[in-house]
Amino acid sequence: MKNEKGVVYIIVIFVIMTVLAFSAIFISWTIFSTRSSQRLSYSTRALYLADAGIEKTIFYLRTDPDKNWSNDNANPLFDESGYRVKTYDGSNGFIKVESTGTFRGVQRKIYSEVTNFDAVFESTLFSGSYINVEGNATVQGKAVASDTIYISGSATIETPVAHTNVPLPKLIDEVYYINKAIANKMNGNNGANGNYFQGGSPTFSSLNGVIFIDENPDGSPADIKISSNISTDAAWADSTYFIVYGNLKLSGNINFKGLLYVTGDLQITGNVETEGPLIAGSISKVGGSTTLQSWYNPAYADPYGFQSGVMAIKWKELAP
């Protein structure tokens, strides 16, 4: 009997020790999981705070009356309890931003590039690359280039603004303008597709309303050349949008009034006269006796369907 009791005691002790061991493991796992979950929660909140810093920066830049985006990089733009924001490489229309969010010792950092597309639509000529104005060409108002501006011959630019780093604003609502172009039966194009084309070599008797020249059917950029005596009628000066997904060359005696948007190269020569923003994604070359007139029109200062105003165009997370 004594031996049996001894065995029972040993078994009981073994069971108790096993239970205690598993309990310790479970408690340790629970504590670890809780801490991991807690740290993940803190990390998520830190990321939200960093993002809030970016959003506050954008709001500040939208409302800053002098639009002086430069910061000395020594002192933060914002240094609040939840986030710390620093800006650098500031220019009139482009700035780099770093925002570090902190929550209970956990940090997350976000890098963003913020631009002001108002510089594009308020200009007479914009290039997402460089601008070359030569011959007897005249550009009134602002010529804004992401890169360098070259002036030669007797050419003049009233207000050149170079090295802005501002990219070509994207056309977000393509469908809206495509439908408008299809419904537009003017300019000698009264077919089923109206003034909507997929590349090719379209011809025009005038430049009125919405004209949309898309990429070629194979996806390559359109390459459009217009050389004729055509113009925009005064009645359509407030509602003409000429959109080209590719390159455009204008020559001859052309009088255009409206917004011109070209994703590729823009070349203008001859006796061309324009009023309204001319926007090119790549190289802009202007020569001959061309006159690009400055013209502020509310219809083109903030056009529907385009990126506009102050926006973050790049976002990525950095190691804190």
Protein backbone atom coordinates (compact mmCIF):
# COMPACT_ATOMS: atom_id res chain seq x y z
CA MET A 1 0.00 0.00 0.00
CA LYS A 2 2.82 2.36 0.89
CA ASN A 3 4.42 1.74 -2.49
CA GLU A 4 1.14 2.45 -4.25
CA LYS A 5 0.72 5.70 -2.32
CA GLY A 6 4.24 6.71 -3.26
CA VAL A 7 3.50 6.11 -6.93
CA VAL A 8 0.32 8.15 -6.67
CA TYR A 9 2.20 11.00 -5.04
CA ILE A 10 4.79 10.93 -7.79
CA ILE A 11 2.09 10.97 -10.46
CA VAL A 12 0.27 13.85 -8.75
CA ILE A 13 3.48 15.83 -8.44
CA PHE A 14 4.30 15.14 -12.09
CA VAL A 15 0.85 16.26 -13.20
CA ILE A 16 1.07 19.41 -11.09
CA MET A 17 4.52 20.24 -12.47
CA THR A 18 3.32 19.59 -16.01
CA VAL A 19 0.32 21.87 -15.49
CA LEU A 20 2.54 24.54 -13.97
CA ALA A 21 4.99 24.26 -16.87
CA PHE A 22 2.25 24.57 -19.47
CA SER A 23 0.71 27.42 -17.48
CA ALA A 24 4.04 29.24 -17.45
CA ILE A 25 4.44 28.69 -21.18
CA PHE A 26 0.89 29.89 -21.80
CA ILE A 27 1.34 32.96 -19.62
CA SER A 28 4.65 33.78 -21.33
CA TRP A 29 3.07 33.35 -24.74
CA THR A 30 0.12 35.50 -23.71
CA ILE A 31 2.41 38.24 -22.43
CA PHE A 32 4.52 38.07 -25.60
CA SER A 33 1.44 38.15 -27.83
CA THR A 34 -0.01 41.03 -25.87
CA ARG A 35 3.21 43.00 -26.13
CA SER A 36 3.55 42.20 -29.84
CA SER A 37 -0.05 43.18 -30.45
CA GLN A 38 0.44 46.31 -28.38
CA ARG A 39 3.60 47.26 -30.28
CA LEU A 40 1.84 46.63 -33.59
CA SER A 41 -0.97 48.89 -32.42
CA TYR A 42 1.54 51.56 -31.40
CA SER A 43 3.30 51.21 -34.77
CA THR A 44 0.03 51.63 -36.64
CA ARG A 45 -0.83 54.73 -34.62
CA ALA A 46 2.64 56.13 -35.25
CA LEU A 47 2.09 55.65 -39.00
CA TYR A 48 -1.25 57.45 -38.78
CA LEU A 49 0.46 60.31 -36.97
CA ALA A 50 3.18 60.52 -39.62
CA ASP A 51 0.51 60.63 -42.31
CA ALA A 52 -1.29 63.35 -40.35
CA GLY A 53 1.93 65.35 -40.47
CA ILE A 54 1.98 65.10 -44.27
CA GLU A 55 -1.67 66.15 -44.48
CA LYS A 56 -1.08 69.14 -42.20
CA THR A 57 1.87 70.16 -44.35
CA ILE A 58 -0.30 70.03 -47.49
CA PHE A 59 -2.98 72.09 -45.74
CA TYR A 60 -0.35 74.61 -44.64
CA LEU A 61 1.06 74.92 -48.15
CA ARG A 62 -2.44 75.39 -49.58
CA THR A 63 -3.13 78.28 -47.23
CA ASP A 64 0.35 79.83 -47.04
CA PRO A 65 -0.15 83.31 -48.53
CA ASP A 66 3.43 83.90 -49.65
CA LYS A 67 3.89 80.37 -51.07
CA ASN A 68 7.48 80.37 -49.86
CA TRP A 69 7.91 76.64 -49.53
CA SER A 70 11.57 76.68 -48.58
CA ASN A 71 12.51 75.62 -45.06
CA ASP A 72 15.93 75.94 -43.45
CA ASN A 73 15.91 72.22 -42.60
CA ALA A 74 17.40 73.06 -39.20
CA ASN A 75 14.07 73.61 -37.51
CA PRO A 76 11.04 71.45 -38.24
CA LEU A 77 8.03 72.91 -39.99
CA PHE A 78 5.90 71.19 -37.35
CA ASP A 79 7.19 69.69 -34.09
CA GLU A 80 4.16 68.53 -32.16
CA SER A 81 3.62 65.77 -29.64
CA GLY A 82 2.61 63.20 -32.24
CA TYR A 83 4.71 64.04 -35.29
CA ARG A 84 7.69 65.99 -36.50
CA VAL A 85 7.76 67.35 -40.06
CA LYS A 86 10.79 68.66 -41.94
CA THR A 87 10.87 70.10 -45.45
CA TYR A 88 13.78 70.56 -47.82
CA ASP A 89 14.69 71.33 -51.43
CA GLY A 90 11.83 73.81 -51.52
CA SER A 91 11.03 75.71 -54.69
CA ASN A 92 8.08 77.64 -56.03
CA GLY A 93 5.85 74.69 -56.73
CA PHE A 94 7.71 71.66 -55.35
CA ILE A 95 8.94 70.47 -51.98
CA LYS A 96 10.17 67.31 -50.29
CA VAL A 97 8.66 66.40 -46.93
CA GLU A 98 9.66 63.96 -44.19
CA SER A 99 7.19 63.29 -41.39
CA THR A 100 8.04 61.16 -38.35
CA GLY A 101 5.16 59.94 -36.21
CA THR A 102 5.82 58.81 -32.63
CA PHE A 103 3.48 56.93 -30.31
CA ARG A 104 4.77 55.66 -26.95
CA GLY A 105 8.31 55.32 -28.18
CA VAL A 106 7.46 53.65 -31.50
CA GLN A 107 8.34 55.66 -34.63
CA ARG A 108 7.29 55.51 -38.29
CA LYS A 109 8.61 57.86 -40.97
CA ILE A 110 7.01 58.89 -44.28
CA TYR A 111 8.65 60.62 -47.24
CA SER A 112 6.48 62.57 -49.66
CA GLU A 113 6.91 64.93 -52.58
CA VAL A 114 4.36 67.71 -52.72
CA THR A 115 3.74 69.91 -55.73
CA ASN A 116 1.52 72.82 -56.64
CA PHE A 117 -0.11 72.32 -60.03
CA ASP A 118 -1.46 75.88 -59.95
CA ALA A 119 1.90 76.89 -61.42
CA VAL A 120 1.00 74.85 -64.50
CA PHE A 121 -2.45 76.22 -65.24
CA GLU A 122 -1.54 79.80 -64.37
CA SER A 123 1.31 79.81 -66.90
CA THR A 124 1.28 80.69 -70.58
CA LEU A 125 3.65 77.85 -71.44
CA PHE A 126 4.54 74.84 -69.29
CA SER A 127 6.98 72.01 -69.90
CA GLY A 128 7.58 68.93 -67.80
CA SER A 129 11.09 69.00 -69.28
CA TYR A 130 12.85 72.04 -70.77
CA ILE A 131 11.69 75.01 -72.85
CA ASN A 132 13.52 76.40 -75.90
CA VAL A 133 12.29 79.74 -77.27
CA GLU A 134 14.08 81.10 -80.34
CA GLY A 135 13.72 83.27 -83.45
CA ASN A 136 11.26 86.13 -83.03
CA ALA A 137 8.96 84.23 -80.69
CA THR A 138 7.31 86.06 -77.80
CA VAL A 139 5.97 84.49 -74.64
CA GLN A 140 3.88 86.80 -72.48
CA GLY A 141 3.32 85.97 -68.83
CA LYS A 142 5.01 82.96 -67.28
CA ALA A 143 6.93 80.20 -69.02
CA VAL A 144 7.33 77.44 -66.42
CA ALA A 145 9.73 74.53 -66.92
CA SER A 146 10.52 71.57 -64.73
CA ASP A 147 14.06 71.81 -66.12
CA THR A 148 15.99 74.56 -67.95
CA ILE A 149 14.69 77.42 -70.13
CA TYR A 150 16.74 78.42 -73.19
CA ILE A 151 16.21 81.76 -74.98
CA SER A 152 18.02 82.68 -78.19
CA GLY A 153 17.80 85.11 -81.12
CA SER A 154 15.30 87.92 -80.64
CA ALA A 155 12.97 85.73 -78.62
CA THR A 156 11.56 87.02 -75.33
CA ILE A 157 9.86 85.52 -72.29
CA GLU A 158 8.20 87.96 -69.91
CA THR A 159 8.60 85.79 -66.79
CA PRO A 160 10.73 82.64 -67.11
CA VAL A 161 10.44 80.22 -64.18
CA ALA A 162 12.88 77.32 -64.51
CA HIS A 163 13.86 74.25 -62.48
CA THR A 164 10.54 73.93 -60.66
CA ASN A 165 10.57 70.10 -60.70
CA VAL A 166 6.80 70.26 -61.20
CA PRO A 167 5.66 67.29 -63.31
CA LEU A 168 2.94 67.17 -65.94
CA PRO A 169 -0.43 67.06 -64.16
CA LYS A 170 -2.36 63.93 -65.04
CA LEU A 171 -5.69 63.95 -66.81
CA ILE A 172 -7.70 61.91 -64.33
CA ASP A 173 -11.12 61.87 -66.00
CA GLU A 174 -10.24 60.90 -69.56
CA VAL A 175 -13.71 59.51 -70.23
CA TYR A 176 -15.31 62.90 -69.63
CA TYR A 177 -13.22 64.57 -72.33
CA ILE A 178 -13.45 61.63 -74.73
CA ASN A 179 -17.25 61.77 -74.56
CA LYS A 180 -17.16 65.53 -75.08
CA ALA A 181 -14.91 65.07 -78.12
CA ILE A 182 -17.18 62.40 -79.60
CA ALA A 183 -20.17 64.71 -79.16
CA ASN A 184 -18.29 67.57 -80.83
CA LYS A 185 -19.24 67.54 -84.53
CA MET A 186 -17.46 70.79 -85.44
CA ASN A 187 -14.09 71.45 -87.05
CA GLY A 188 -15.09 69.53 -90.19
CA ASN A 189 -15.37 66.27 -88.24
CA ASN A 190 -19.03 65.27 -88.04
CA GLY A 191 -18.60 61.50 -88.15
CA ALA A 192 -19.57 59.00 -85.47
CA ASN A 193 -16.49 59.75 -83.38
CA GLY A 194 -16.67 63.50 -83.89
CA ASN A 195 -13.38 65.01 -82.71
CA TYR A 196 -12.06 61.88 -80.99
CA PHE A 197 -9.18 60.20 -82.80
CA GLN A 198 -6.77 57.37 -82.12
CA GLY A 199 -3.57 58.78 -83.54
CA GLY A 200 -3.58 58.98 -87.31
CA SER A 201 -3.48 62.25 -89.25
CA PRO A 202 -6.69 64.12 -88.44
CA THR A 203 -7.51 67.37 -90.23
CA PHE A 204 -9.41 70.37 -88.92
CA SER A 205 -11.22 73.32 -90.44
CA SER A 206 -11.21 75.08 -87.06
CA LEU A 207 -10.17 74.44 -83.47
CA ASN A 208 -13.37 74.65 -81.43
CA GLY A 209 -14.67 72.70 -78.45
CA VAL A 210 -13.10 69.52 -77.10
CA ILE A 211 -10.60 67.76 -79.39
CA PHE A 212 -9.07 64.53 -78.08
CA ILE A 213 -6.31 62.75 -80.00
CA ASP A 214 -5.57 59.50 -78.19
CA GLU A 215 -2.62 57.15 -78.59
CA ASN A 216 -2.36 55.01 -81.71
CA PRO A 217 -4.25 51.69 -81.63
CA ASP A 218 -0.97 49.89 -80.89
CA GLY A 219 -0.42 52.05 -77.80
CA SER A 220 2.36 54.20 -79.25
CA PRO A 221 2.16 58.00 -78.79
CA ALA A 222 0.33 59.98 -81.44
CA ASP A 223 2.49 62.19 -83.66
CA ILE A 224 0.33 65.05 -84.89
CA LYS A 225 1.28 67.82 -87.31
CA ILE A 226 -1.10 70.69 -88.04
CA SER A 227 -0.03 73.26 -90.62
CA SER A 228 -2.87 75.36 -91.97
CA ASN A 229 -4.79 78.61 -91.65
CA ILE A 230 -7.25 77.80 -88.87
CA SER A 231 -8.44 79.42 -85.67
CA THR A 232 -10.66 79.14 -82.63
CA ASP A 233 -13.91 81.07 -82.92
CA ALA A 234 -14.43 83.71 -80.22
CA ALA A 235 -17.63 82.01 -79.08
CA TRP A 236 -15.61 78.90 -78.14
CA ALA A 237 -12.65 80.63 -76.48
CA ASP A 238 -13.88 79.70 -72.99
CA SER A 239 -14.56 76.03 -73.71
CA THR A 240 -11.89 74.70 -76.06
CA TYR A 241 -9.68 71.86 -74.84
CA PHE A 242 -7.17 70.38 -77.27
CA ILE A 243 -5.75 67.16 -75.80
CA VAL A 244 -3.02 65.07 -77.46
CA TYR A 245 -1.62 61.84 -76.04
CA GLY A 246 1.67 62.13 -77.85
CA ASN A 247 3.57 64.84 -79.74
CA LEU A 248 2.16 67.91 -81.46
CA LYS A 249 3.66 70.29 -84.01
CA LEU A 250 1.82 73.50 -84.92
CA SER A 251 2.88 75.66 -87.85
CA GLY A 252 1.37 78.00 -90.40
CA ASN A 253 -1.14 80.71 -89.51
CA ILE A 254 -2.93 79.32 -86.49
CA ASN A 255 -4.88 81.33 -83.91
CA PHE A 256 -5.74 79.12 -80.95
CA LYS A 257 -7.68 80.10 -77.84
CA GLY A 258 -8.15 77.57 -75.08
CA LEU A 259 -6.25 74.95 -73.11
CA LEU A 260 -3.70 72.82 -74.97
CA TYR A 261 -2.54 69.63 -73.22
CA VAL A 262 0.16 67.47 -74.81
CA THR A 263 1.72 64.51 -73.01
CA GLY A 264 4.83 64.50 -75.22
CA ASP A 265 6.79 67.16 -77.12
CA LEU A 266 5.22 70.42 -78.23
CA GLN A 267 6.71 72.34 -81.16
CA ILE A 268 5.28 75.65 -82.38
CA THR A 269 6.64 77.61 -85.31
CA GLY A 270 5.43 79.95 -88.04
CA ASN A 271 2.89 82.69 -87.33
CA VAL A 272 1.02 80.96 -84.55
CA GLU A 273 -0.86 83.00 -81.95
CA THR A 274 -2.32 81.51 -78.79
CA GLU A 275 -4.28 82.57 -75.71
CA GLY A 276 -4.57 80.20 -72.79
CA PRO A 277 -2.27 77.69 -71.07
CA LEU A 278 -0.12 75.49 -73.32
CA ILE A 279 0.94 72.41 -71.35
CA ALA A 280 3.47 69.81 -72.49
CA GLY A 281 4.79 66.78 -70.68
CA SER A 282 8.14 66.85 -72.43
CA ILE A 283 10.17 69.32 -74.49
CA SER A 284 8.55 72.60 -75.57
CA LYS A 285 10.10 74.37 -78.56
CA VAL A 286 8.76 77.72 -79.77
CA GLY A 287 10.15 79.59 -82.76
CA GLY A 288 9.32 81.66 -85.83
CA SER A 289 7.10 84.67 -85.26
CA THR A 290 4.96 82.89 -82.71
CA THR A 291 3.18 84.92 -80.03
CA LEU A 292 1.95 83.15 -76.92
CA GLN A 293 -0.31 85.52 -75.04
CA SER A 294 -0.94 85.52 -71.32
CA TRP A 295 -4.62 85.07 -70.57
CA TYR A 296 -6.17 84.26 -67.21
CA ASN A 297 -9.44 82.44 -67.70
CA PRO A 298 -11.25 80.80 -64.74
CA ALA A 299 -12.28 77.95 -67.03
CA TYR A 300 -8.64 76.95 -67.48
CA ALA A 301 -7.17 78.00 -64.12
CA ASP A 302 -8.72 74.96 -62.41
CA PRO A 303 -9.98 72.70 -65.20
CA TYR A 304 -12.21 69.76 -64.40
CA GLY A 305 -10.65 66.31 -64.51
CA PHE A 306 -6.99 67.32 -64.14
CA GLN A 307 -4.71 67.12 -61.13
CA SER A 308 -4.74 70.62 -59.67
CA GLY A 309 -3.78 72.59 -56.58
CA VAL A 310 -1.40 71.32 -53.92
CA MET A 311 -1.07 67.53 -53.98
CA ALA A 312 1.26 64.79 -52.78
CA ILE A 313 2.54 63.07 -55.93
CA LYS A 314 4.88 60.56 -54.26
CA TRP A 315 4.62 58.67 -50.95
CA LYS A 316 6.82 56.02 -49.38
CA GLU A 317 7.82 54.84 -45.92
CA LEU A 318 11.38 55.27 -44.67
CA ALA A 319 13.23 53.58 -41.85
CA PRO A 320 12.79 55.78 -38.75
